[in-house]
Every structure is written in C-alpha cells, then in structure tokens.
Amino acid sequence: MGAYLQQSPQDEPVYQFMNKKRSEGKSYRVYMMASSNKFLHIYYATVKAYLNSLKQDYPHSEYWSDRRFKKET
C-alpha cells in the first residue's frame, strides 16, 4: 500500500478510495486497513473470474474434477 502513496495513480480505484478515507481524517492505520481490504476484494474477484473463464474453456479437465472432495461409498 505504501507504493500506492508513492506513485499516486489517480485512475486506480484503490488509490481513490485511500485518498477519500485520508481526506475524511481517518487515521493511517484505519485507511490503510480499509484500502488493503478493498484491494483484496478486487484481487479476489479478478482471480475468481479468471479461474471461472478457464473452467469454461476446459470443462472436462481433471483439474476441475471434484473427485478428491467426494465421499467414497
């Protein structure tokens, strides 16, 4: 998160959020934690969308099988 402050990318949503919280007078720890959480939410959503697109491209791949999670009878 320190890199965001040094680079100041105006078009990044995480930086805009961080700057908004900082201008609201939040303490450093509060706005950094909130910004980190926002970054992780965006990152998780991006990775999940990417993995879902792979799953659609390769639907019969063994990688996606749930055999390891199924109960043996």
N, C-alpha and C. Protein backbone atom coordinates (compact mmCIF):
# COMPACT_ATOMS: atom_id res chain seq x y z
N MET A 1 0.82 -1.20 0.00
CA MET A 1 0.00 0.00 0.00
C MET A 1 0.86 1.26 0.00
N GLY A 2 2.05 1.16 0.55
CA GLY A 2 2.95 2.31 0.54
C GLY A 2 3.33 2.71 -0.88
N ALA A 3 3.38 1.72 -1.77
CA ALA A 3 3.70 2.00 -3.17
C ALA A 3 2.62 2.86 -3.81
N TYR A 4 1.36 2.63 -3.42
CA TYR A 4 0.27 3.46 -3.95
C TYR A 4 0.47 4.91 -3.56
N LEU A 5 0.88 5.14 -2.34
CA LEU A 5 1.08 6.52 -1.89
C LEU A 5 2.24 7.17 -2.63
N GLN A 6 3.30 6.42 -2.91
CA GLN A 6 4.46 6.99 -3.59
C GLN A 6 4.17 7.27 -5.06
N GLN A 7 3.44 6.39 -5.72
CA GLN A 7 3.17 6.54 -7.15
C GLN A 7 1.99 7.46 -7.44
N SER A 8 1.02 7.53 -6.56
CA SER A 8 -0.18 8.36 -6.69
C SER A 8 -0.90 8.17 -8.02
N PRO A 9 -1.29 6.94 -8.36
CA PRO A 9 -2.03 6.73 -9.62
C PRO A 9 -3.47 7.20 -9.49
N GLN A 10 -3.81 8.29 -10.13
CA GLN A 10 -5.13 8.91 -9.98
C GLN A 10 -6.26 8.05 -10.55
N ASP A 11 -5.97 7.16 -11.49
CA ASP A 11 -7.02 6.36 -12.11
C ASP A 11 -7.26 5.02 -11.42
N GLU A 12 -6.51 4.72 -10.37
CA GLU A 12 -6.68 3.46 -9.64
C GLU A 12 -7.79 3.59 -8.60
N PRO A 13 -8.76 2.65 -8.59
CA PRO A 13 -9.87 2.74 -7.63
C PRO A 13 -9.41 2.60 -6.17
N VAL A 14 -8.36 1.80 -5.94
CA VAL A 14 -7.89 1.63 -4.56
C VAL A 14 -7.25 2.93 -4.06
N TYR A 15 -6.48 3.59 -4.92
CA TYR A 15 -5.88 4.86 -4.52
C TYR A 15 -6.96 5.91 -4.28
N GLN A 16 -7.96 5.95 -5.13
CA GLN A 16 -9.04 6.92 -4.94
C GLN A 16 -9.75 6.68 -3.62
N PHE A 17 -9.98 5.41 -3.29
CA PHE A 17 -10.61 5.06 -2.02
C PHE A 17 -9.72 5.47 -0.84
N MET A 18 -8.43 5.18 -0.96
CA MET A 18 -7.48 5.53 0.09
C MET A 18 -7.42 7.04 0.29
N ASN A 19 -7.37 7.76 -0.79
CA ASN A 19 -7.31 9.21 -0.72
C ASN A 19 -8.58 9.79 -0.10
N LYS A 20 -9.73 9.19 -0.42
CA LYS A 20 -11.00 9.63 0.15
C LYS A 20 -11.01 9.44 1.67
N LYS A 21 -10.57 8.25 2.12
CA LYS A 21 -10.53 7.98 3.56
C LYS A 21 -9.54 8.89 4.27
N ARG A 22 -8.42 9.16 3.62
CA ARG A 22 -7.42 10.05 4.22
C ARG A 22 -7.96 11.47 4.33
N SER A 23 -8.70 11.91 3.30
CA SER A 23 -9.26 13.26 3.35
C SER A 23 -10.40 13.38 4.35
N GLU A 24 -11.02 12.22 4.72
CA GLU A 24 -12.05 12.23 5.75
C GLU A 24 -11.46 12.36 7.15
N GLY A 25 -10.14 12.30 7.24
CA GLY A 25 -9.49 12.45 8.53
C GLY A 25 -9.28 11.15 9.28
N LYS A 26 -9.39 10.02 8.58
CA LYS A 26 -9.17 8.73 9.22
C LYS A 26 -7.69 8.59 9.57
N SER A 27 -7.42 7.81 10.60
CA SER A 27 -6.02 7.60 10.98
C SER A 27 -5.34 6.72 9.94
N TYR A 28 -4.00 6.74 9.95
CA TYR A 28 -3.22 5.99 8.97
C TYR A 28 -3.58 4.52 8.99
N ARG A 29 -3.64 3.95 10.17
CA ARG A 29 -3.94 2.51 10.28
C ARG A 29 -5.33 2.17 9.73
N VAL A 30 -6.30 3.02 10.01
CA VAL A 30 -7.67 2.77 9.56
C VAL A 30 -7.77 2.83 8.04
N TYR A 31 -7.23 3.87 7.42
CA TYR A 31 -7.39 3.96 5.97
C TYR A 31 -6.50 2.97 5.23
N MET A 32 -5.37 2.58 5.82
CA MET A 32 -4.54 1.56 5.18
C MET A 32 -5.21 0.18 5.26
N MET A 33 -5.82 -0.13 6.39
CA MET A 33 -6.51 -1.42 6.53
C MET A 33 -7.72 -1.48 5.59
N ALA A 34 -8.47 -0.40 5.53
CA ALA A 34 -9.64 -0.37 4.64
C ALA A 34 -9.20 -0.47 3.17
N SER A 35 -8.11 0.19 2.82
CA SER A 35 -7.61 0.13 1.45
C SER A 35 -7.08 -1.26 1.12
N SER A 36 -6.43 -1.89 2.07
CA SER A 36 -5.93 -3.25 1.86
C SER A 36 -7.10 -4.21 1.63
N ASN A 37 -8.14 -4.07 2.42
CA ASN A 37 -9.31 -4.91 2.26
C ASN A 37 -9.96 -4.70 0.90
N LYS A 38 -10.05 -3.46 0.47
CA LYS A 38 -10.63 -3.17 -0.84
C LYS A 38 -9.79 -3.79 -1.96
N PHE A 39 -8.46 -3.66 -1.84
CA PHE A 39 -7.57 -4.25 -2.83
C PHE A 39 -7.76 -5.77 -2.88
N LEU A 40 -7.85 -6.41 -1.72
CA LEU A 40 -8.02 -7.86 -1.69
C LEU A 40 -9.35 -8.30 -2.28
N HIS A 41 -10.40 -7.52 -2.06
CA HIS A 41 -11.70 -7.84 -2.66
C HIS A 41 -11.63 -7.76 -4.19
N ILE A 42 -10.99 -6.73 -4.69
CA ILE A 42 -10.84 -6.56 -6.15
C ILE A 42 -9.97 -7.69 -6.71
N TYR A 43 -8.88 -8.00 -6.03
CA TYR A 43 -7.96 -9.04 -6.48
C TYR A 43 -8.66 -10.40 -6.49
N TYR A 44 -9.37 -10.72 -5.42
CA TYR A 44 -10.07 -11.99 -5.33
C TYR A 44 -11.12 -12.13 -6.44
N ALA A 45 -11.87 -11.06 -6.69
CA ALA A 45 -12.89 -11.09 -7.74
C ALA A 45 -12.25 -11.29 -9.11
N THR A 46 -11.11 -10.66 -9.35
CA THR A 46 -10.42 -10.79 -10.63
C THR A 46 -9.91 -12.21 -10.83
N VAL A 47 -9.28 -12.76 -9.79
CA VAL A 47 -8.75 -14.13 -9.89
C VAL A 47 -9.89 -15.13 -10.04
N LYS A 48 -10.97 -14.94 -9.31
CA LYS A 48 -12.11 -15.84 -9.41
C LYS A 48 -12.71 -15.81 -10.81
N ALA A 49 -12.84 -14.63 -11.39
CA ALA A 49 -13.38 -14.50 -12.75
C ALA A 49 -12.45 -15.18 -13.75
N TYR A 50 -11.15 -15.03 -13.56
CA TYR A 50 -10.18 -15.66 -14.46
C TYR A 50 -10.27 -17.18 -14.36
N LEU A 51 -10.33 -17.71 -13.15
CA LEU A 51 -10.42 -19.16 -12.98
C LEU A 51 -11.73 -19.70 -13.54
N ASN A 52 -12.80 -18.95 -13.40
CA ASN A 52 -14.07 -19.38 -13.98
C ASN A 52 -14.01 -19.39 -15.50
N SER A 53 -13.28 -18.43 -16.08
CA SER A 53 -13.14 -18.43 -17.54
C SER A 53 -12.32 -19.64 -18.00
N LEU A 54 -11.32 -20.03 -17.22
CA LEU A 54 -10.55 -21.23 -17.55
C LEU A 54 -11.42 -22.47 -17.45
N LYS A 55 -12.28 -22.49 -16.46
CA LYS A 55 -13.17 -23.62 -16.26
C LYS A 55 -14.11 -23.76 -17.45
N GLN A 56 -14.55 -22.65 -18.02
CA GLN A 56 -15.44 -22.69 -19.19
C GLN A 56 -14.67 -23.13 -20.43
N ASP A 57 -13.40 -22.74 -20.53
CA ASP A 57 -12.60 -23.12 -21.69
C ASP A 57 -12.22 -24.59 -21.66
N TYR A 58 -12.01 -25.14 -20.47
CA TYR A 58 -11.59 -26.53 -20.31
C TYR A 58 -12.53 -27.25 -19.33
N PRO A 59 -13.77 -27.48 -19.72
CA PRO A 59 -14.74 -28.02 -18.76
C PRO A 59 -14.48 -29.46 -18.35
N HIS A 60 -13.77 -30.24 -19.17
CA HIS A 60 -13.56 -31.65 -18.85
C HIS A 60 -12.16 -31.92 -18.30
N SER A 61 -11.47 -30.90 -17.97
CA SER A 61 -10.12 -31.07 -17.44
C SER A 61 -10.17 -31.75 -16.07
N GLU A 62 -9.18 -32.58 -15.79
CA GLU A 62 -9.13 -33.25 -14.49
C GLU A 62 -8.90 -32.26 -13.36
N TYR A 63 -8.33 -31.13 -13.68
CA TYR A 63 -8.06 -30.12 -12.65
C TYR A 63 -9.34 -29.68 -11.97
N TRP A 64 -10.43 -29.64 -12.70
CA TRP A 64 -11.68 -29.12 -12.16
C TRP A 64 -12.54 -30.20 -11.52
N SER A 65 -12.13 -31.45 -11.60
CA SER A 65 -12.96 -32.51 -11.05
C SER A 65 -12.96 -32.43 -9.52
N ASP A 66 -14.07 -32.82 -8.96
CA ASP A 66 -14.23 -32.76 -7.51
C ASP A 66 -14.11 -34.14 -6.88
N ARG A 67 -13.43 -35.04 -7.54
CA ARG A 67 -13.30 -36.39 -7.01
C ARG A 67 -12.63 -36.41 -5.64
N ARG A 68 -11.69 -35.55 -5.43
CA ARG A 68 -10.97 -35.57 -4.15
C ARG A 68 -11.85 -35.12 -2.99
N PHE A 69 -12.97 -34.46 -3.28
CA PHE A 69 -13.85 -33.97 -2.24
C PHE A 69 -15.05 -34.89 -2.02
N LYS A 70 -15.26 -35.83 -2.92
CA LYS A 70 -16.43 -36.70 -2.80
C LYS A 70 -16.15 -37.81 -1.80
N LYS A 71 -17.19 -38.21 -1.12
CA LYS A 71 -17.09 -39.28 -0.15
C LYS A 71 -17.10 -40.62 -0.87
N GLU A 72 -16.20 -41.49 -0.47
CA GLU A 72 -16.20 -42.82 -1.05
C GLU A 72 -17.26 -43.67 -0.38
N THR A 73 -18.00 -44.44 -1.19
CA THR A 73 -19.07 -45.27 -0.61
C THR A 73 -18.67 -46.72 -0.58
